[in-house]
Amino acid sequence: MPAQSNSAELKQAGDRRLTLSGVLDFDSVAKLRPQLRRYLRSGESITVNLKRVGRCNSAGLALLLQWIEDARQQGAMIQFRNLPHSLTEIADLYNLKSLIPVV
């Protein structure tokens, strides 16, 4: 059986709004991490909508936490919308939910 390709994508969805879609796992998040940097501007806030995210494991949670840190280092703010239930459960399990700004 051939290996299934997991892909995820970050796209601009409006002024200071992005949409994240696909599967957030160990294979896909490494490619996603640097993509956020081109949207970060010091003093600005950006919102990432995760409504189109399918499966998500702990790598997805690590990605969001890293994006929060990347934004902080750039002097920007990031917030998330429509977190998948699986991501919320993982964040709860590790007591990290309070670190993820959700709107």
N, C-alpha and C. Protein backbone atom coordinates (compact mmCIF):
# COMPACT_ATOMS: atom_id res chain seq x y z
N MET A 1 0.85 -1.18 0.00
CA MET A 1 0.00 0.00 0.00
C MET A 1 0.90 1.25 0.00
N PRO A 2 0.69 2.20 -0.93
CA PRO A 2 1.52 3.40 -0.97
C PRO A 2 1.24 4.30 0.21
N ALA A 3 2.29 5.02 0.61
CA ALA A 3 2.15 5.97 1.72
C ALA A 3 1.24 7.11 1.30
N GLN A 4 0.38 7.50 2.20
CA GLN A 4 -0.54 8.61 1.94
C GLN A 4 0.17 9.93 2.23
N SER A 5 0.04 10.86 1.30
CA SER A 5 0.66 12.17 1.47
C SER A 5 -0.27 13.06 2.28
N ASN A 6 0.23 13.53 3.39
CA ASN A 6 -0.53 14.46 4.22
C ASN A 6 -0.10 15.86 3.87
N SER A 7 -1.06 16.69 3.57
CA SER A 7 -0.69 18.06 3.26
C SER A 7 -1.54 19.01 4.06
N ALA A 8 -0.95 20.12 4.34
CA ALA A 8 -1.66 21.20 5.03
C ALA A 8 -1.23 22.48 4.34
N GLU A 9 -2.08 23.49 4.43
CA GLU A 9 -1.82 24.72 3.68
C GLU A 9 -2.26 25.93 4.49
N LEU A 10 -1.46 26.98 4.43
CA LEU A 10 -1.77 28.25 5.06
C LEU A 10 -1.97 29.27 3.95
N LYS A 11 -3.17 29.88 3.92
CA LYS A 11 -3.50 30.84 2.85
C LYS A 11 -4.08 32.11 3.45
N GLN A 12 -3.83 33.20 2.76
CA GLN A 12 -4.43 34.47 3.17
C GLN A 12 -5.92 34.44 2.85
N ALA A 13 -6.73 34.90 3.79
CA ALA A 13 -8.19 34.87 3.64
C ALA A 13 -8.79 36.27 3.80
N GLY A 14 -7.97 37.27 3.79
CA GLY A 14 -8.44 38.64 3.98
C GLY A 14 -7.37 39.43 4.69
N ASP A 15 -7.71 40.66 5.01
CA ASP A 15 -6.77 41.53 5.69
C ASP A 15 -6.48 41.00 7.09
N ARG A 16 -5.25 40.58 7.33
CA ARG A 16 -4.78 40.08 8.62
C ARG A 16 -5.50 38.79 9.05
N ARG A 17 -6.06 38.08 8.08
CA ARG A 17 -6.73 36.80 8.35
C ARG A 17 -6.14 35.72 7.46
N LEU A 18 -5.91 34.56 8.06
CA LEU A 18 -5.37 33.41 7.34
C LEU A 18 -6.26 32.20 7.60
N THR A 19 -6.20 31.25 6.68
CA THR A 19 -6.92 29.99 6.84
C THR A 19 -5.91 28.86 6.77
N LEU A 20 -5.98 27.98 7.75
CA LEU A 20 -5.15 26.79 7.79
C LEU A 20 -6.04 25.60 7.46
N SER A 21 -5.60 24.76 6.54
CA SER A 21 -6.42 23.61 6.14
C SER A 21 -5.54 22.38 5.99
N GLY A 22 -6.19 21.23 6.04
CA GLY A 22 -5.49 19.96 5.85
C GLY A 22 -5.26 19.21 7.15
N VAL A 23 -4.25 18.36 7.13
CA VAL A 23 -3.91 17.50 8.25
C VAL A 23 -2.69 18.07 8.96
N LEU A 24 -2.79 18.26 10.27
CA LEU A 24 -1.66 18.75 11.06
C LEU A 24 -1.03 17.57 11.78
N ASP A 25 0.06 17.09 11.23
CA ASP A 25 0.78 15.97 11.83
C ASP A 25 2.28 16.21 11.68
N PHE A 26 3.06 15.25 12.06
CA PHE A 26 4.51 15.41 12.06
C PHE A 26 5.06 15.66 10.66
N ASP A 27 4.42 15.13 9.63
CA ASP A 27 4.88 15.33 8.26
C ASP A 27 4.58 16.72 7.73
N SER A 28 3.46 17.28 8.11
CA SER A 28 3.03 18.55 7.51
C SER A 28 3.48 19.80 8.25
N VAL A 29 3.65 19.74 9.56
CA VAL A 29 3.91 20.98 10.31
C VAL A 29 5.29 21.58 10.05
N ALA A 30 6.26 20.77 9.72
CA ALA A 30 7.61 21.31 9.45
C ALA A 30 7.58 22.28 8.28
N LYS A 31 6.76 22.02 7.29
CA LYS A 31 6.65 22.91 6.14
C LYS A 31 5.83 24.15 6.47
N LEU A 32 4.92 24.02 7.41
CA LEU A 32 4.04 25.14 7.75
C LEU A 32 4.70 26.20 8.62
N ARG A 33 5.57 25.80 9.51
CA ARG A 33 6.12 26.74 10.48
C ARG A 33 6.66 28.01 9.83
N PRO A 34 7.55 27.94 8.85
CA PRO A 34 8.11 29.19 8.30
C PRO A 34 7.12 30.00 7.47
N GLN A 35 6.03 29.41 7.05
CA GLN A 35 5.07 30.13 6.21
C GLN A 35 4.42 31.32 6.91
N LEU A 36 4.25 31.23 8.21
CA LEU A 36 3.58 32.32 8.94
C LEU A 36 4.41 33.60 8.93
N ARG A 37 5.70 33.47 8.93
CA ARG A 37 6.59 34.64 9.07
C ARG A 37 6.31 35.74 8.05
N ARG A 38 5.95 35.37 6.84
CA ARG A 38 5.71 36.40 5.81
C ARG A 38 4.48 37.26 6.10
N TYR A 39 3.62 36.80 7.02
CA TYR A 39 2.40 37.56 7.35
C TYR A 39 2.55 38.38 8.63
N LEU A 40 3.62 38.17 9.38
CA LEU A 40 3.78 38.84 10.67
C LEU A 40 4.34 40.25 10.48
N ARG A 41 3.69 41.23 11.11
CA ARG A 41 4.15 42.62 11.10
C ARG A 41 4.14 43.12 12.53
N SER A 42 5.21 43.77 12.92
CA SER A 42 5.32 44.29 14.28
C SER A 42 4.15 45.21 14.60
N GLY A 43 3.57 45.01 15.78
CA GLY A 43 2.46 45.84 16.23
C GLY A 43 1.11 45.45 15.68
N GLU A 44 1.05 44.45 14.84
CA GLU A 44 -0.23 44.02 14.25
C GLU A 44 -0.67 42.68 14.81
N SER A 45 -1.95 42.42 14.67
CA SER A 45 -2.54 41.16 15.10
C SER A 45 -3.02 40.39 13.87
N ILE A 46 -2.86 39.09 13.92
CA ILE A 46 -3.30 38.24 12.82
C ILE A 46 -4.16 37.11 13.39
N THR A 47 -5.17 36.71 12.64
CA THR A 47 -6.07 35.63 13.06
C THR A 47 -5.96 34.47 12.08
N VAL A 48 -5.77 33.27 12.62
CA VAL A 48 -5.69 32.06 11.81
C VAL A 48 -6.93 31.21 12.10
N ASN A 49 -7.70 30.94 11.05
CA ASN A 49 -8.91 30.12 11.16
C ASN A 49 -8.54 28.67 10.85
N LEU A 50 -8.87 27.78 11.77
CA LEU A 50 -8.54 26.36 11.62
C LEU A 50 -9.76 25.52 11.26
N LYS A 51 -10.81 26.14 10.78
CA LYS A 51 -12.05 25.44 10.47
C LYS A 51 -11.85 24.30 9.47
N ARG A 52 -10.90 24.44 8.57
CA ARG A 52 -10.69 23.44 7.53
C ARG A 52 -9.60 22.42 7.86
N VAL A 53 -9.17 22.40 9.11
CA VAL A 53 -8.18 21.41 9.53
C VAL A 53 -8.89 20.09 9.79
N GLY A 54 -8.34 19.03 9.23
CA GLY A 54 -8.89 17.69 9.45
C GLY A 54 -8.26 17.08 10.69
N ARG A 55 -7.54 16.01 10.50
CA ARG A 55 -6.86 15.36 11.62
C ARG A 55 -5.79 16.27 12.20
N CYS A 56 -5.55 16.11 13.49
CA CYS A 56 -4.55 16.92 14.17
C CYS A 56 -4.01 16.11 15.33
N ASN A 57 -2.68 16.08 15.46
CA ASN A 57 -2.08 15.41 16.61
C ASN A 57 -1.24 16.42 17.39
N SER A 58 -0.39 15.94 18.27
CA SER A 58 0.39 16.85 19.11
C SER A 58 1.33 17.75 18.30
N ALA A 59 1.69 17.34 17.11
CA ALA A 59 2.51 18.20 16.26
C ALA A 59 1.75 19.47 15.88
N GLY A 60 0.43 19.37 15.71
CA GLY A 60 -0.39 20.54 15.43
C GLY A 60 -0.39 21.51 16.59
N LEU A 61 -0.48 20.99 17.80
CA LEU A 61 -0.41 21.83 18.99
C LEU A 61 0.96 22.51 19.08
N ALA A 62 2.02 21.75 18.82
CA ALA A 62 3.37 22.33 18.85
C ALA A 62 3.51 23.44 17.81
N LEU A 63 2.89 23.26 16.65
CA LEU A 63 2.93 24.30 15.62
C LEU A 63 2.29 25.59 16.11
N LEU A 64 1.11 25.50 16.70
CA LEU A 64 0.44 26.71 17.19
C LEU A 64 1.26 27.40 18.26
N LEU A 65 1.82 26.63 19.17
CA LEU A 65 2.65 27.22 20.22
C LEU A 65 3.90 27.89 19.64
N GLN A 66 4.48 27.28 18.61
CA GLN A 66 5.64 27.88 17.96
C GLN A 66 5.25 29.16 17.23
N TRP A 67 4.10 29.16 16.57
CA TRP A 67 3.62 30.37 15.89
C TRP A 67 3.38 31.50 16.88
N ILE A 68 2.89 31.18 18.06
CA ILE A 68 2.69 32.19 19.10
C ILE A 68 4.04 32.81 19.47
N GLU A 69 5.04 31.98 19.63
CA GLU A 69 6.39 32.47 19.95
C GLU A 69 6.99 33.27 18.80
N ASP A 70 6.81 32.78 17.57
CA ASP A 70 7.32 33.51 16.40
C ASP A 70 6.70 34.90 16.32
N ALA A 71 5.39 34.99 16.56
CA ALA A 71 4.70 36.28 16.53
C ALA A 71 5.24 37.19 17.62
N ARG A 72 5.41 36.65 18.82
CA ARG A 72 5.93 37.44 19.93
C ARG A 72 7.31 38.01 19.59
N GLN A 73 8.15 37.18 19.01
CA GLN A 73 9.50 37.63 18.65
C GLN A 73 9.49 38.73 17.59
N GLN A 74 8.44 38.74 16.76
CA GLN A 74 8.32 39.77 15.73
C GLN A 74 7.57 41.00 16.23
N GLY A 75 7.13 40.97 17.49
CA GLY A 75 6.36 42.08 18.03
C GLY A 75 4.93 42.11 17.53
N ALA A 76 4.45 40.96 17.07
CA ALA A 76 3.09 40.84 16.55
C ALA A 76 2.26 39.98 17.51
N MET A 77 0.96 39.91 17.23
CA MET A 77 0.07 39.05 18.01
C MET A 77 -0.62 38.08 17.05
N ILE A 78 -0.91 36.90 17.56
CA ILE A 78 -1.63 35.91 16.77
C ILE A 78 -2.75 35.35 17.62
N GLN A 79 -3.87 35.08 16.98
CA GLN A 79 -4.99 34.44 17.66
C GLN A 79 -5.59 33.42 16.70
N PHE A 80 -6.33 32.48 17.26
CA PHE A 80 -6.84 31.36 16.48
C PHE A 80 -8.35 31.27 16.61
N ARG A 81 -8.96 30.76 15.58
CA ARG A 81 -10.42 30.60 15.52
C ARG A 81 -10.72 29.17 15.07
N ASN A 82 -11.79 28.62 15.60
CA ASN A 82 -12.28 27.29 15.20
C ASN A 82 -11.24 26.18 15.38
N LEU A 83 -10.71 26.08 16.59
CA LEU A 83 -9.77 25.01 16.87
C LEU A 83 -10.46 23.65 16.75
N PRO A 84 -9.82 22.68 16.10
CA PRO A 84 -10.40 21.34 16.03
C PRO A 84 -10.51 20.74 17.43
N HIS A 85 -11.53 19.93 17.62
CA HIS A 85 -11.76 19.30 18.91
C HIS A 85 -10.55 18.48 19.36
N SER A 86 -9.92 17.78 18.43
CA SER A 86 -8.76 16.95 18.80
C SER A 86 -7.62 17.82 19.32
N LEU A 87 -7.43 19.00 18.75
CA LEU A 87 -6.37 19.89 19.22
C LEU A 87 -6.69 20.43 20.60
N THR A 88 -7.93 20.78 20.83
CA THR A 88 -8.36 21.26 22.14
C THR A 88 -8.16 20.18 23.21
N GLU A 89 -8.48 18.93 22.87
CA GLU A 89 -8.29 17.83 23.81
C GLU A 89 -6.82 17.63 24.17
N ILE A 90 -5.95 17.72 23.17
CA ILE A 90 -4.51 17.56 23.43
C ILE A 90 -4.02 18.71 24.31
N ALA A 91 -4.45 19.93 24.01
CA ALA A 91 -4.04 21.09 24.81
C ALA A 91 -4.52 20.94 26.25
N ASP A 92 -5.74 20.44 26.43
CA ASP A 92 -6.26 20.19 27.78
C ASP A 92 -5.43 19.13 28.50
N LEU A 93 -5.11 18.08 27.79
CA LEU A 93 -4.34 16.98 28.37
C LEU A 93 -3.00 17.47 28.93
N TYR A 94 -2.36 18.37 28.22
CA TYR A 94 -1.05 18.90 28.65
C TYR A 94 -1.15 20.21 29.41
N ASN A 95 -2.38 20.62 29.74
CA ASN A 95 -2.62 21.84 30.48
C ASN A 95 -2.03 23.07 29.78
N LEU A 96 -2.22 23.13 28.46
CA LEU A 96 -1.68 24.22 27.65
C LEU A 96 -2.77 25.08 26.99
N LYS A 97 -4.01 24.73 27.21
CA LYS A 97 -5.10 25.43 26.53
C LYS A 97 -5.09 26.93 26.80
N SER A 98 -4.71 27.34 27.99
CA SER A 98 -4.71 28.76 28.35
C SER A 98 -3.65 29.55 27.58
N LEU A 99 -2.69 28.87 26.99
CA LEU A 99 -1.63 29.55 26.24
C LEU A 99 -2.03 29.89 24.80
N ILE A 100 -3.15 29.32 24.35
CA ILE A 100 -3.57 29.50 22.95
C ILE A 100 -4.68 30.56 22.91
N PRO A 101 -4.38 31.73 22.34
CA PRO A 101 -5.40 32.78 22.25
C PRO A 101 -6.46 32.44 21.19
N VAL A 102 -7.68 32.23 21.66
CA VAL A 102 -8.78 31.85 20.79
C VAL A 102 -9.82 32.97 20.76
N VAL A 103 -10.31 33.25 19.54
CA VAL A 103 -11.39 34.24 19.39
C VAL A 103 -12.62 33.56 18.86
